[in-house]
């Protein structure tokens, strides 16, 4: 299918794939079957549209579920072109390739956003202060770290939460030790996969 990249593309099919992706992955509900069938595909018969919709929903699902890189895509499309029944044409394969090159990262990012339910750290800032007033004299002139974290989701409707806390040098050392343990665990698991 390497030749597919240079082949002509089917512009109505490309528009159909883009519309389908917007509807499925970006929740653009104004892209209805009626719009896709009549405006994008020039009013093809209902039976033809149903078959095309089913075929390309399945194909999109395969691409997205496998998060196919372009080598995998090439192998997948080669197998689809060589099928005995219901094979893709070279032009259709070239169109799918063009679509995936343009949309893969956007769809992947959208799925990541949709699958993040909890808050995440959006920003972190810190400063070091020295105590000038204290009830106990041994705490005077002691340095402490003031940390401010902005937590939130990627949902624009949810406001970000701000968390502020103060750490003396002992608590800061404990926190850094825990962060080091987390870092080691992440490294350990990332090297095993």
N, C-alpha and C. Protein backbone atom coordinates (compact mmCIF):
# COMPACT_ATOMS: atom_id res chain seq x y z
N UNK A 1 0.83 -1.19 0.00
CA UNK A 1 0.00 0.00 0.00
C UNK A 1 0.87 1.25 0.00
N UNK A 2 2.16 1.10 0.00
CA UNK A 2 3.03 2.27 -0.02
C UNK A 2 2.71 3.17 -1.19
N UNK A 3 2.24 2.59 -2.30
CA UNK A 3 1.85 3.40 -3.45
C UNK A 3 0.58 4.19 -3.16
N UNK A 4 -0.20 3.74 -2.18
CA UNK A 4 -1.44 4.44 -1.84
C UNK A 4 -1.18 5.85 -1.37
N UNK A 5 -0.07 6.08 -0.73
CA UNK A 5 0.23 7.40 -0.21
C UNK A 5 0.30 8.40 -1.35
N UNK A 6 0.79 7.97 -2.50
CA UNK A 6 0.94 8.87 -3.64
C UNK A 6 -0.30 8.87 -4.53
N UNK A 7 -1.21 7.92 -4.33
CA UNK A 7 -2.40 7.81 -5.17
C UNK A 7 -3.36 8.95 -4.88
N UNK A 8 -4.28 9.15 -5.83
CA UNK A 8 -5.33 10.13 -5.62
C UNK A 8 -6.17 9.70 -4.44
N UNK A 9 -6.80 10.70 -3.82
CA UNK A 9 -7.69 10.37 -2.71
C UNK A 9 -9.13 10.64 -3.11
N UNK A 10 -10.03 10.01 -2.41
CA UNK A 10 -11.47 10.18 -2.61
C UNK A 10 -11.91 11.29 -1.66
N UNK A 11 -12.08 12.51 -2.17
CA UNK A 11 -12.38 13.66 -1.31
C UNK A 11 -13.70 13.52 -0.56
N UNK A 12 -14.79 13.02 -1.19
CA UNK A 12 -16.00 12.81 -0.39
C UNK A 12 -15.81 11.79 0.73
N UNK A 13 -15.02 10.75 0.47
CA UNK A 13 -14.75 9.76 1.51
C UNK A 13 -13.93 10.38 2.64
N UNK A 14 -12.96 11.21 2.30
CA UNK A 14 -12.16 11.89 3.31
C UNK A 14 -13.04 12.79 4.17
N UNK A 15 -13.94 13.53 3.53
CA UNK A 15 -14.87 14.38 4.28
C UNK A 15 -15.79 13.54 5.16
N UNK A 16 -16.22 12.40 4.65
CA UNK A 16 -17.06 11.48 5.43
C UNK A 16 -16.31 10.97 6.65
N UNK A 17 -15.06 10.54 6.49
CA UNK A 17 -14.26 10.05 7.60
C UNK A 17 -14.03 11.15 8.64
N UNK A 18 -13.74 12.36 8.18
CA UNK A 18 -13.55 13.48 9.10
C UNK A 18 -14.84 13.76 9.88
N UNK A 19 -15.97 13.77 9.18
CA UNK A 19 -17.25 13.99 9.84
C UNK A 19 -17.58 12.90 10.84
N UNK A 20 -17.34 11.67 10.45
CA UNK A 20 -17.59 10.53 11.33
C UNK A 20 -16.73 10.62 12.59
N UNK A 21 -15.46 10.96 12.41
CA UNK A 21 -14.55 11.10 13.57
C UNK A 21 -15.01 12.24 14.48
N UNK A 22 -15.43 13.35 13.90
CA UNK A 22 -15.90 14.47 14.72
C UNK A 22 -17.13 14.07 15.52
N UNK A 23 -18.01 13.32 14.90
CA UNK A 23 -19.23 12.90 15.59
C UNK A 23 -18.91 11.89 16.71
N UNK A 24 -18.08 10.91 16.40
CA UNK A 24 -17.81 9.83 17.36
C UNK A 24 -16.87 10.30 18.49
N UNK A 25 -15.77 10.94 18.14
CA UNK A 25 -14.73 11.22 19.12
C UNK A 25 -14.77 12.63 19.69
N UNK A 26 -15.39 13.57 18.98
CA UNK A 26 -15.40 14.95 19.45
C UNK A 26 -16.81 15.43 19.80
N UNK A 27 -17.77 14.49 19.83
CA UNK A 27 -19.15 14.75 20.25
C UNK A 27 -19.81 15.91 19.49
N UNK A 28 -19.53 16.02 18.21
CA UNK A 28 -20.19 17.04 17.39
C UNK A 28 -21.49 16.44 16.86
N UNK A 29 -22.53 16.59 17.66
CA UNK A 29 -23.80 15.94 17.38
C UNK A 29 -24.56 16.55 16.20
N UNK A 30 -24.14 17.73 15.74
CA UNK A 30 -24.80 18.31 14.57
C UNK A 30 -24.40 17.61 13.27
N UNK A 31 -23.42 16.72 13.34
CA UNK A 31 -23.03 15.92 12.18
C UNK A 31 -23.86 14.63 12.23
N UNK A 32 -25.03 14.69 11.67
CA UNK A 32 -25.97 13.57 11.71
C UNK A 32 -25.76 12.67 10.49
N UNK A 33 -26.43 11.51 10.51
CA UNK A 33 -26.40 10.64 9.35
C UNK A 33 -26.97 11.35 8.13
N UNK A 34 -27.99 12.16 8.36
CA UNK A 34 -28.62 12.91 7.27
C UNK A 34 -27.61 13.85 6.61
N UNK A 35 -26.84 14.56 7.42
CA UNK A 35 -25.82 15.48 6.90
C UNK A 35 -24.75 14.70 6.14
N UNK A 36 -24.27 13.62 6.74
CA UNK A 36 -23.22 12.84 6.09
C UNK A 36 -23.71 12.23 4.77
N UNK A 37 -24.90 11.69 4.78
CA UNK A 37 -25.42 11.02 3.59
C UNK A 37 -25.75 12.01 2.47
N UNK A 38 -26.45 13.09 2.81
CA UNK A 38 -26.92 14.00 1.77
C UNK A 38 -25.93 15.08 1.38
N UNK A 39 -25.24 15.66 2.36
CA UNK A 39 -24.35 16.78 2.04
C UNK A 39 -22.92 16.34 1.73
N UNK A 40 -22.43 15.37 2.45
CA UNK A 40 -21.04 14.94 2.25
C UNK A 40 -20.94 13.91 1.12
N UNK A 41 -21.87 12.97 1.11
CA UNK A 41 -21.82 11.89 0.12
C UNK A 41 -22.82 12.08 -1.02
N UNK A 42 -23.28 13.28 -1.22
CA UNK A 42 -24.14 13.65 -2.35
C UNK A 42 -25.41 12.81 -2.47
N UNK A 43 -26.03 12.51 -1.33
CA UNK A 43 -27.32 11.83 -1.35
C UNK A 43 -27.31 10.41 -1.85
N UNK A 44 -26.31 9.63 -1.46
CA UNK A 44 -26.29 8.23 -1.90
C UNK A 44 -27.50 7.50 -1.31
N UNK A 45 -27.92 6.41 -1.92
CA UNK A 45 -29.07 5.66 -1.39
C UNK A 45 -28.84 5.20 0.05
N UNK A 46 -29.93 5.11 0.80
CA UNK A 46 -29.89 4.75 2.22
C UNK A 46 -29.17 3.43 2.46
N UNK A 47 -29.42 2.41 1.63
CA UNK A 47 -28.79 1.11 1.82
C UNK A 47 -27.27 1.21 1.64
N UNK A 48 -26.84 1.96 0.61
CA UNK A 48 -25.41 2.14 0.37
C UNK A 48 -24.77 2.90 1.53
N UNK A 49 -25.49 3.91 2.04
CA UNK A 49 -24.97 4.69 3.16
C UNK A 49 -24.81 3.81 4.40
N UNK A 50 -25.81 2.99 4.69
CA UNK A 50 -25.75 2.12 5.87
C UNK A 50 -24.55 1.18 5.79
N UNK A 51 -24.32 0.61 4.62
CA UNK A 51 -23.19 -0.30 4.45
C UNK A 51 -21.86 0.45 4.60
N UNK A 52 -21.78 1.64 4.01
CA UNK A 52 -20.57 2.46 4.10
C UNK A 52 -20.31 2.88 5.54
N UNK A 53 -21.35 3.28 6.23
CA UNK A 53 -21.24 3.71 7.63
C UNK A 53 -20.72 2.55 8.48
N UNK A 54 -21.31 1.39 8.34
CA UNK A 54 -20.90 0.22 9.11
C UNK A 54 -19.44 -0.13 8.83
N UNK A 55 -19.07 -0.12 7.56
CA UNK A 55 -17.72 -0.48 7.15
C UNK A 55 -16.68 0.46 7.75
N UNK A 56 -16.94 1.77 7.64
CA UNK A 56 -15.95 2.74 8.09
C UNK A 56 -15.98 2.98 9.60
N UNK A 57 -17.09 2.71 10.25
CA UNK A 57 -17.09 2.75 11.72
C UNK A 57 -16.20 1.63 12.25
N UNK A 58 -16.32 0.46 11.66
CA UNK A 58 -15.48 -0.68 12.05
C UNK A 58 -14.01 -0.39 11.77
N UNK A 59 -13.73 0.17 10.60
CA UNK A 59 -12.35 0.50 10.24
C UNK A 59 -11.78 1.54 11.21
N UNK A 60 -12.55 2.60 11.50
CA UNK A 60 -12.10 3.62 12.45
C UNK A 60 -11.85 3.01 13.83
N UNK A 61 -12.76 2.15 14.24
CA UNK A 61 -12.60 1.49 15.53
C UNK A 61 -11.30 0.69 15.58
N UNK A 62 -10.98 -0.01 14.50
CA UNK A 62 -9.73 -0.77 14.43
C UNK A 62 -8.52 0.16 14.54
N UNK A 63 -8.55 1.26 13.81
CA UNK A 63 -7.42 2.21 13.83
C UNK A 63 -7.23 2.79 15.22
N UNK A 64 -8.33 3.22 15.82
CA UNK A 64 -8.26 3.92 17.11
C UNK A 64 -7.94 2.95 18.25
N UNK A 65 -8.59 1.80 18.25
CA UNK A 65 -8.37 0.84 19.33
C UNK A 65 -6.92 0.37 19.36
N UNK A 66 -6.35 0.15 18.20
CA UNK A 66 -4.95 -0.30 18.14
C UNK A 66 -3.97 0.87 18.23
N UNK A 67 -4.49 2.11 18.15
CA UNK A 67 -3.65 3.31 18.11
C UNK A 67 -2.51 3.08 17.11
N UNK A 68 -2.92 2.69 15.90
CA UNK A 68 -1.97 2.24 14.88
C UNK A 68 -0.94 3.30 14.51
N UNK A 69 0.31 2.87 14.49
CA UNK A 69 1.32 3.74 13.91
C UNK A 69 1.26 3.53 12.40
N UNK A 70 2.09 4.24 11.66
CA UNK A 70 1.94 4.21 10.21
C UNK A 70 2.46 2.93 9.57
N UNK A 71 3.35 2.22 10.24
CA UNK A 71 3.78 0.91 9.75
C UNK A 71 2.64 -0.09 9.89
N UNK A 72 1.98 -0.05 11.06
CA UNK A 72 0.83 -0.93 11.29
C UNK A 72 -0.30 -0.59 10.33
N UNK A 73 -0.51 0.70 10.11
CA UNK A 73 -1.56 1.14 9.19
C UNK A 73 -1.30 0.60 7.78
N UNK A 74 -0.06 0.70 7.35
CA UNK A 74 0.29 0.21 6.01
C UNK A 74 0.01 -1.29 5.89
N UNK A 75 0.40 -2.06 6.90
CA UNK A 75 0.15 -3.50 6.89
C UNK A 75 -1.35 -3.79 6.93
N UNK A 76 -2.08 -3.06 7.76
CA UNK A 76 -3.52 -3.25 7.88
C UNK A 76 -4.22 -2.94 6.56
N UNK A 77 -3.87 -1.81 5.95
CA UNK A 77 -4.51 -1.43 4.69
C UNK A 77 -4.13 -2.37 3.55
N UNK A 78 -2.90 -2.87 3.57
CA UNK A 78 -2.49 -3.86 2.56
C UNK A 78 -3.39 -5.09 2.66
N UNK A 79 -3.64 -5.53 3.88
CA UNK A 79 -4.52 -6.70 4.05
C UNK A 79 -5.95 -6.37 3.62
N UNK A 80 -6.40 -5.14 3.83
CA UNK A 80 -7.74 -4.75 3.43
C UNK A 80 -7.88 -4.66 1.90
N UNK A 81 -6.81 -4.23 1.25
CA UNK A 81 -6.81 -4.13 -0.23
C UNK A 81 -6.80 -5.53 -0.85
N UNK A 82 -6.11 -6.47 -0.22
CA UNK A 82 -5.96 -7.81 -0.79
C UNK A 82 -7.09 -8.77 -0.43
N UNK A 83 -8.06 -8.31 0.38
CA UNK A 83 -9.18 -9.18 0.74
C UNK A 83 -9.94 -9.60 -0.51
N UNK A 84 -10.50 -10.80 -0.47
CA UNK A 84 -11.27 -11.28 -1.63
C UNK A 84 -12.64 -10.65 -1.69
N UNK A 85 -13.28 -10.48 -0.54
CA UNK A 85 -14.60 -9.87 -0.52
C UNK A 85 -14.54 -8.59 0.28
N UNK A 86 -15.17 -7.54 -0.24
CA UNK A 86 -15.23 -6.27 0.47
C UNK A 86 -13.89 -5.58 0.59
N UNK A 87 -13.02 -5.77 -0.38
CA UNK A 87 -11.69 -5.16 -0.34
C UNK A 87 -11.78 -3.66 -0.54
N UNK A 88 -10.82 -2.96 0.05
CA UNK A 88 -10.68 -1.53 -0.20
C UNK A 88 -9.98 -1.33 -1.53
N UNK A 89 -10.34 -0.28 -2.22
CA UNK A 89 -9.59 0.07 -3.44
C UNK A 89 -8.32 0.80 -3.03
N UNK A 90 -7.40 0.93 -3.96
CA UNK A 90 -6.16 1.69 -3.69
C UNK A 90 -6.50 3.12 -3.30
N UNK A 91 -7.49 3.69 -3.97
CA UNK A 91 -7.89 5.08 -3.70
C UNK A 91 -8.48 5.21 -2.30
N UNK A 92 -9.29 4.23 -1.90
CA UNK A 92 -9.86 4.25 -0.55
C UNK A 92 -8.76 4.09 0.50
N UNK A 93 -7.80 3.22 0.24
CA UNK A 93 -6.68 3.02 1.17
C UNK A 93 -5.86 4.30 1.29
N UNK A 94 -5.63 4.98 0.17
CA UNK A 94 -4.90 6.25 0.19
C UNK A 94 -5.66 7.29 0.98
N UNK A 95 -6.98 7.28 0.85
CA UNK A 95 -7.82 8.24 1.58
C UNK A 95 -7.77 7.96 3.08
N UNK A 96 -7.84 6.70 3.48
CA UNK A 96 -7.75 6.34 4.90
C UNK A 96 -6.38 6.74 5.44
N UNK A 97 -5.33 6.51 4.67
CA UNK A 97 -3.98 6.90 5.08
C UNK A 97 -3.91 8.40 5.33
N UNK A 98 -4.42 9.18 4.38
CA UNK A 98 -4.42 10.64 4.53
C UNK A 98 -5.20 11.05 5.77
N UNK A 99 -6.38 10.47 5.96
CA UNK A 99 -7.21 10.77 7.13
C UNK A 99 -6.44 10.48 8.41
N UNK A 100 -5.83 9.30 8.51
CA UNK A 100 -5.16 8.89 9.74
C UNK A 100 -3.95 9.75 10.03
N UNK A 101 -3.23 10.15 8.97
CA UNK A 101 -2.07 11.04 9.16
C UNK A 101 -2.51 12.37 9.76
N UNK A 102 -3.66 12.86 9.33
CA UNK A 102 -4.15 14.15 9.81
C UNK A 102 -4.85 14.08 11.16
N UNK A 103 -5.45 12.96 11.48
CA UNK A 103 -6.33 12.90 12.66
C UNK A 103 -5.82 12.05 13.82
N UNK A 104 -4.83 11.22 13.60
CA UNK A 104 -4.38 10.28 14.64
C UNK A 104 -4.06 10.98 15.95
N UNK A 105 -3.23 12.00 15.93
CA UNK A 105 -2.82 12.68 17.16
C UNK A 105 -4.01 13.37 17.84
N UNK A 106 -4.88 13.97 17.06
CA UNK A 106 -6.04 14.67 17.63
C UNK A 106 -6.99 13.69 18.31
N UNK A 107 -7.25 12.59 17.66
CA UNK A 107 -8.15 11.58 18.23
C UNK A 107 -7.52 10.97 19.48
N UNK A 108 -6.24 10.67 19.42
CA UNK A 108 -5.55 10.10 20.58
C UNK A 108 -5.63 11.06 21.76
N UNK A 109 -5.35 12.33 21.53
CA UNK A 109 -5.40 13.33 22.60
C UNK A 109 -6.80 13.45 23.18
N UNK A 110 -7.79 13.42 22.33
CA UNK A 110 -9.18 13.51 22.79
C UNK A 110 -9.54 12.31 23.67
N UNK A 111 -9.12 11.13 23.28
CA UNK A 111 -9.42 9.94 24.08
C UNK A 111 -8.71 9.99 25.43
N UNK A 112 -7.49 10.52 25.45
CA UNK A 112 -6.78 10.67 26.71
C UNK A 112 -7.53 11.64 27.62
N UNK A 113 -7.99 12.76 27.05
CA UNK A 113 -8.75 13.75 27.84
C UNK A 113 -10.03 13.13 28.38
N UNK A 114 -10.72 12.36 27.57
CA UNK A 114 -11.97 11.75 28.00
C UNK A 114 -11.77 10.68 29.06
N UNK A 115 -10.59 10.08 29.11
CA UNK A 115 -10.37 9.01 30.06
C UNK A 115 -9.71 9.49 31.35
N UNK A 116 -9.46 10.79 31.48
CA UNK A 116 -8.91 11.35 32.70
C UNK A 116 -10.05 11.89 33.54
N UNK A 117 -10.37 11.19 34.63
CA UNK A 117 -11.51 11.61 35.44
C UNK A 117 -11.09 12.42 36.65
N UNK A 118 -9.95 12.12 37.21
CA UNK A 118 -9.52 12.78 38.42
C UNK A 118 -8.75 14.06 38.11
N UNK A 119 -8.56 14.84 39.16
CA UNK A 119 -7.76 16.04 39.01
C UNK A 119 -6.31 15.68 38.71
N UNK A 120 -5.65 16.60 38.05
CA UNK A 120 -4.22 16.44 37.84
C UNK A 120 -3.57 17.79 38.12
N UNK A 121 -2.29 17.77 38.39
CA UNK A 121 -1.58 19.01 38.69
C UNK A 121 -1.45 19.81 37.41
N UNK A 122 -2.05 21.01 37.40
CA UNK A 122 -1.98 21.87 36.23
C UNK A 122 -0.77 22.81 36.32
N UNK A 123 -0.46 23.24 37.55
CA UNK A 123 0.67 24.15 37.75
C UNK A 123 1.16 23.98 39.18
N UNK A 124 2.42 24.23 39.38
CA UNK A 124 2.99 24.18 40.73
C UNK A 124 3.97 25.34 40.86
N UNK A 125 3.90 26.01 42.00
CA UNK A 125 4.87 27.08 42.28
C UNK A 125 5.30 26.95 43.73
N UNK A 126 6.46 27.49 44.05
CA UNK A 126 6.97 27.38 45.41
C UNK A 126 7.89 28.55 45.69
N UNK A 127 8.09 28.76 46.97
CA UNK A 127 9.06 29.77 47.40
C UNK A 127 9.59 29.36 48.77
N UNK A 128 10.69 29.92 49.18
CA UNK A 128 11.26 29.66 50.49
C UNK A 128 11.13 30.93 51.31
N UNK A 129 10.55 30.78 52.50
CA UNK A 129 10.40 31.90 53.43
C UNK A 129 11.22 31.62 54.68
N UNK A 130 11.59 32.69 55.36
CA UNK A 130 12.27 32.57 56.64
C UNK A 130 11.34 33.17 57.69
N UNK A 131 11.11 32.45 58.77
CA UNK A 131 10.21 32.92 59.82
C UNK A 131 10.86 34.07 60.59
N UNK A 132 10.09 35.13 60.72
CA UNK A 132 10.56 36.28 61.49
C UNK A 132 9.77 36.43 62.78
N UNK A 133 8.62 35.76 62.85
CA UNK A 133 7.81 35.79 64.07
C UNK A 133 7.44 34.36 64.43
N UNK A 134 7.51 34.06 65.70
CA UNK A 134 7.12 32.73 66.14
C UNK A 134 6.92 32.75 67.65
N UNK A 135 6.05 31.89 68.15
CA UNK A 135 5.84 31.77 69.60
C UNK A 135 7.06 31.16 70.25
N UNK A 136 7.75 30.30 69.52
CA UNK A 136 8.92 29.63 70.06
C UNK A 136 10.17 30.20 69.41
N UNK A 137 11.15 30.55 70.20
CA UNK A 137 12.34 31.22 69.69
C UNK A 137 13.18 30.33 68.78
N UNK A 138 13.15 28.98 68.98
CA UNK A 138 13.96 28.11 68.12
C UNK A 138 13.45 28.05 66.69
N UNK A 139 12.20 28.49 66.46
CA UNK A 139 11.65 28.50 65.10
C UNK A 139 11.99 29.79 64.34
N UNK A 140 12.50 30.78 65.05
CA UNK A 140 12.89 32.02 64.37
C UNK A 140 14.04 31.75 63.39
N UNK A 141 14.00 32.43 62.28
CA UNK A 141 15.01 32.33 61.22
C UNK A 141 15.12 30.94 60.61
N UNK A 142 14.08 30.10 60.81
CA UNK A 142 14.03 28.79 60.18
C UNK A 142 13.41 28.94 58.79
N UNK A 143 14.02 28.30 57.82
CA UNK A 143 13.47 28.36 56.46
C UNK A 143 12.33 27.35 56.32
N UNK A 144 11.35 27.73 55.53
CA UNK A 144 10.26 26.80 55.22
C UNK A 144 9.87 27.00 53.77
N UNK A 145 9.42 25.94 53.16
CA UNK A 145 8.98 26.00 51.76
C UNK A 145 7.47 26.18 51.72
N UNK A 146 7.02 27.12 50.94
CA UNK A 146 5.60 27.35 50.71
C UNK A 146 5.31 26.83 49.30
N UNK A 147 4.40 25.87 49.19
CA UNK A 147 4.09 25.24 47.91
C UNK A 147 2.64 25.54 47.55
N UNK A 148 2.40 25.87 46.29
CA UNK A 148 1.05 26.10 45.79
C UNK A 148 0.86 25.26 44.53
N UNK A 149 -0.18 24.42 44.56
CA UNK A 149 -0.48 23.57 43.40
C UNK A 149 -1.87 23.90 42.89
N UNK A 150 -1.97 24.00 41.59
CA UNK A 150 -3.26 24.21 40.94
C UNK A 150 -3.70 22.86 40.38
N UNK A 151 -4.83 22.36 40.88
CA UNK A 151 -5.34 21.06 40.47
C UNK A 151 -6.59 21.27 39.63
N UNK A 152 -6.78 20.43 38.64
CA UNK A 152 -7.99 20.54 37.82
C UNK A 152 -8.04 19.44 36.79
N UNK A 153 -9.12 19.46 36.04
CA UNK A 153 -9.30 18.53 34.94
C UNK A 153 -9.22 19.32 33.64
N UNK A 154 -9.30 18.60 32.54
CA UNK A 154 -9.31 19.28 31.25
C UNK A 154 -10.70 19.78 30.88
N UNK A 155 -11.68 19.48 31.73
CA UNK A 155 -13.04 19.94 31.48
C UNK A 155 -13.10 21.44 31.78
N UNK A 156 -13.54 22.21 30.81
CA UNK A 156 -13.57 23.66 30.98
C UNK A 156 -14.66 24.11 31.96
N UNK A 157 -15.63 23.25 32.23
CA UNK A 157 -16.73 23.62 33.11
C UNK A 157 -16.35 23.52 34.59
N UNK A 158 -15.31 22.78 34.90
CA UNK A 158 -14.90 22.58 36.28
C UNK A 158 -13.78 23.57 36.62
N UNK A 159 -13.98 24.39 37.66
CA UNK A 159 -12.91 25.33 38.03
C UNK A 159 -11.73 24.60 38.66
N UNK A 160 -10.56 25.19 38.51
CA UNK A 160 -9.37 24.61 39.11
C UNK A 160 -9.38 24.85 40.62
N UNK A 161 -8.79 23.92 41.35
CA UNK A 161 -8.69 24.02 42.81
C UNK A 161 -7.24 24.37 43.14
N UNK A 162 -7.05 25.26 44.11
CA UNK A 162 -5.71 25.65 44.52
C UNK A 162 -5.45 25.09 45.91
N UNK A 163 -4.31 24.39 46.05
CA UNK A 163 -3.91 23.82 47.33
C UNK A 163 -2.58 24.47 47.73
N UNK A 164 -2.53 25.00 48.96
CA UNK A 164 -1.30 25.62 49.47
C UNK A 164 -0.90 24.89 50.76
N UNK A 165 0.41 24.67 50.91
CA UNK A 165 0.89 24.07 52.16
C UNK A 165 2.32 24.51 52.41
N UNK A 166 2.72 24.36 53.68
CA UNK A 166 4.04 24.79 54.11
C UNK A 166 4.79 23.60 54.65
N UNK A 167 6.09 23.53 54.36
CA UNK A 167 6.93 22.43 54.81
C UNK A 167 8.19 22.97 55.47
N UNK A 168 8.51 22.45 56.65
CA UNK A 168 9.82 22.79 57.22
C UNK A 168 10.85 21.88 56.56
N UNK A 169 12.10 22.04 56.92
CA UNK A 169 13.15 21.27 56.23
C UNK A 169 13.00 19.76 56.45
N UNK A 170 12.53 19.34 57.62
CA UNK A 170 12.35 17.91 57.89
C UNK A 170 11.23 17.34 57.01
N UNK A 171 10.09 18.03 56.95
CA UNK A 171 8.95 17.57 56.14
C UNK A 171 9.30 17.60 54.65
N UNK A 172 10.07 18.60 54.24
CA UNK A 172 10.49 18.69 52.84
C UNK A 172 11.38 17.50 52.48
N UNK A 173 12.28 17.12 53.37
CA UNK A 173 13.15 15.96 53.13
C UNK A 173 12.32 14.68 53.01
N UNK A 174 11.28 14.54 53.87
CA UNK A 174 10.41 13.37 53.79
C UNK A 174 9.65 13.34 52.46
N UNK A 175 9.14 14.51 52.04
CA UNK A 175 8.42 14.60 50.77
C UNK A 175 9.32 14.24 49.60
N UNK A 176 10.54 14.77 49.60
CA UNK A 176 11.48 14.47 48.52
C UNK A 176 11.84 12.99 48.48
N UNK A 177 11.94 12.37 49.64
CA UNK A 177 12.24 10.92 49.69
C UNK A 177 11.08 10.13 49.07
N UNK A 178 9.85 10.55 49.36
CA UNK A 178 8.70 9.87 48.78
C UNK A 178 8.64 10.07 47.27
N UNK A 179 8.93 11.28 46.82
CA UNK A 179 8.94 11.56 45.37
C UNK A 179 10.01 10.72 44.69
N UNK A 180 11.15 10.55 45.33
CA UNK A 180 12.22 9.71 44.79
C UNK A 180 11.75 8.27 44.67
N UNK A 181 11.02 7.78 45.67
CA UNK A 181 10.47 6.42 45.61
C UNK A 181 9.48 6.27 44.45
N UNK A 182 8.64 7.26 44.27
CA UNK A 182 7.68 7.23 43.15
C UNK A 182 8.44 7.21 41.82
N UNK A 183 9.46 8.06 41.71
CA UNK A 183 10.26 8.12 40.49
C UNK A 183 10.91 6.77 40.19
N UNK A 184 11.45 6.11 41.22
CA UNK A 184 12.07 4.80 41.03
C UNK A 184 11.04 3.77 40.57
N UNK A 185 9.85 3.80 41.16
CA UNK A 185 8.80 2.86 40.77
C UNK A 185 8.38 3.07 39.33
N UNK A 186 8.22 4.32 38.92
CA UNK A 186 7.85 4.62 37.53
C UNK A 186 8.94 4.14 36.58
N UNK A 187 10.18 4.40 36.92
CA UNK A 187 11.29 3.93 36.09
C UNK A 187 11.31 2.41 35.98
N UNK A 188 11.08 1.75 37.12
CA UNK A 188 11.09 0.29 37.15
C UNK A 188 10.00 -0.27 36.23
N UNK A 189 8.81 0.29 36.31
CA UNK A 189 7.70 -0.21 35.50
C UNK A 189 7.82 0.21 34.04
N UNK A 190 8.39 1.35 33.77
CA UNK A 190 8.51 1.78 32.39
C UNK A 190 9.59 1.00 31.64
N UNK A 191 10.57 0.47 32.34
CA UNK A 191 11.61 -0.33 31.69
C UNK A 191 11.21 -1.78 31.51
N UNK A 192 10.18 -2.23 32.22
CA UNK A 192 9.77 -3.62 32.07
C UNK A 192 8.79 -3.81 30.93
N UNK A 193 8.18 -2.73 30.44
CA UNK A 193 7.20 -2.90 29.35
C UNK A 193 7.74 -2.65 28.00
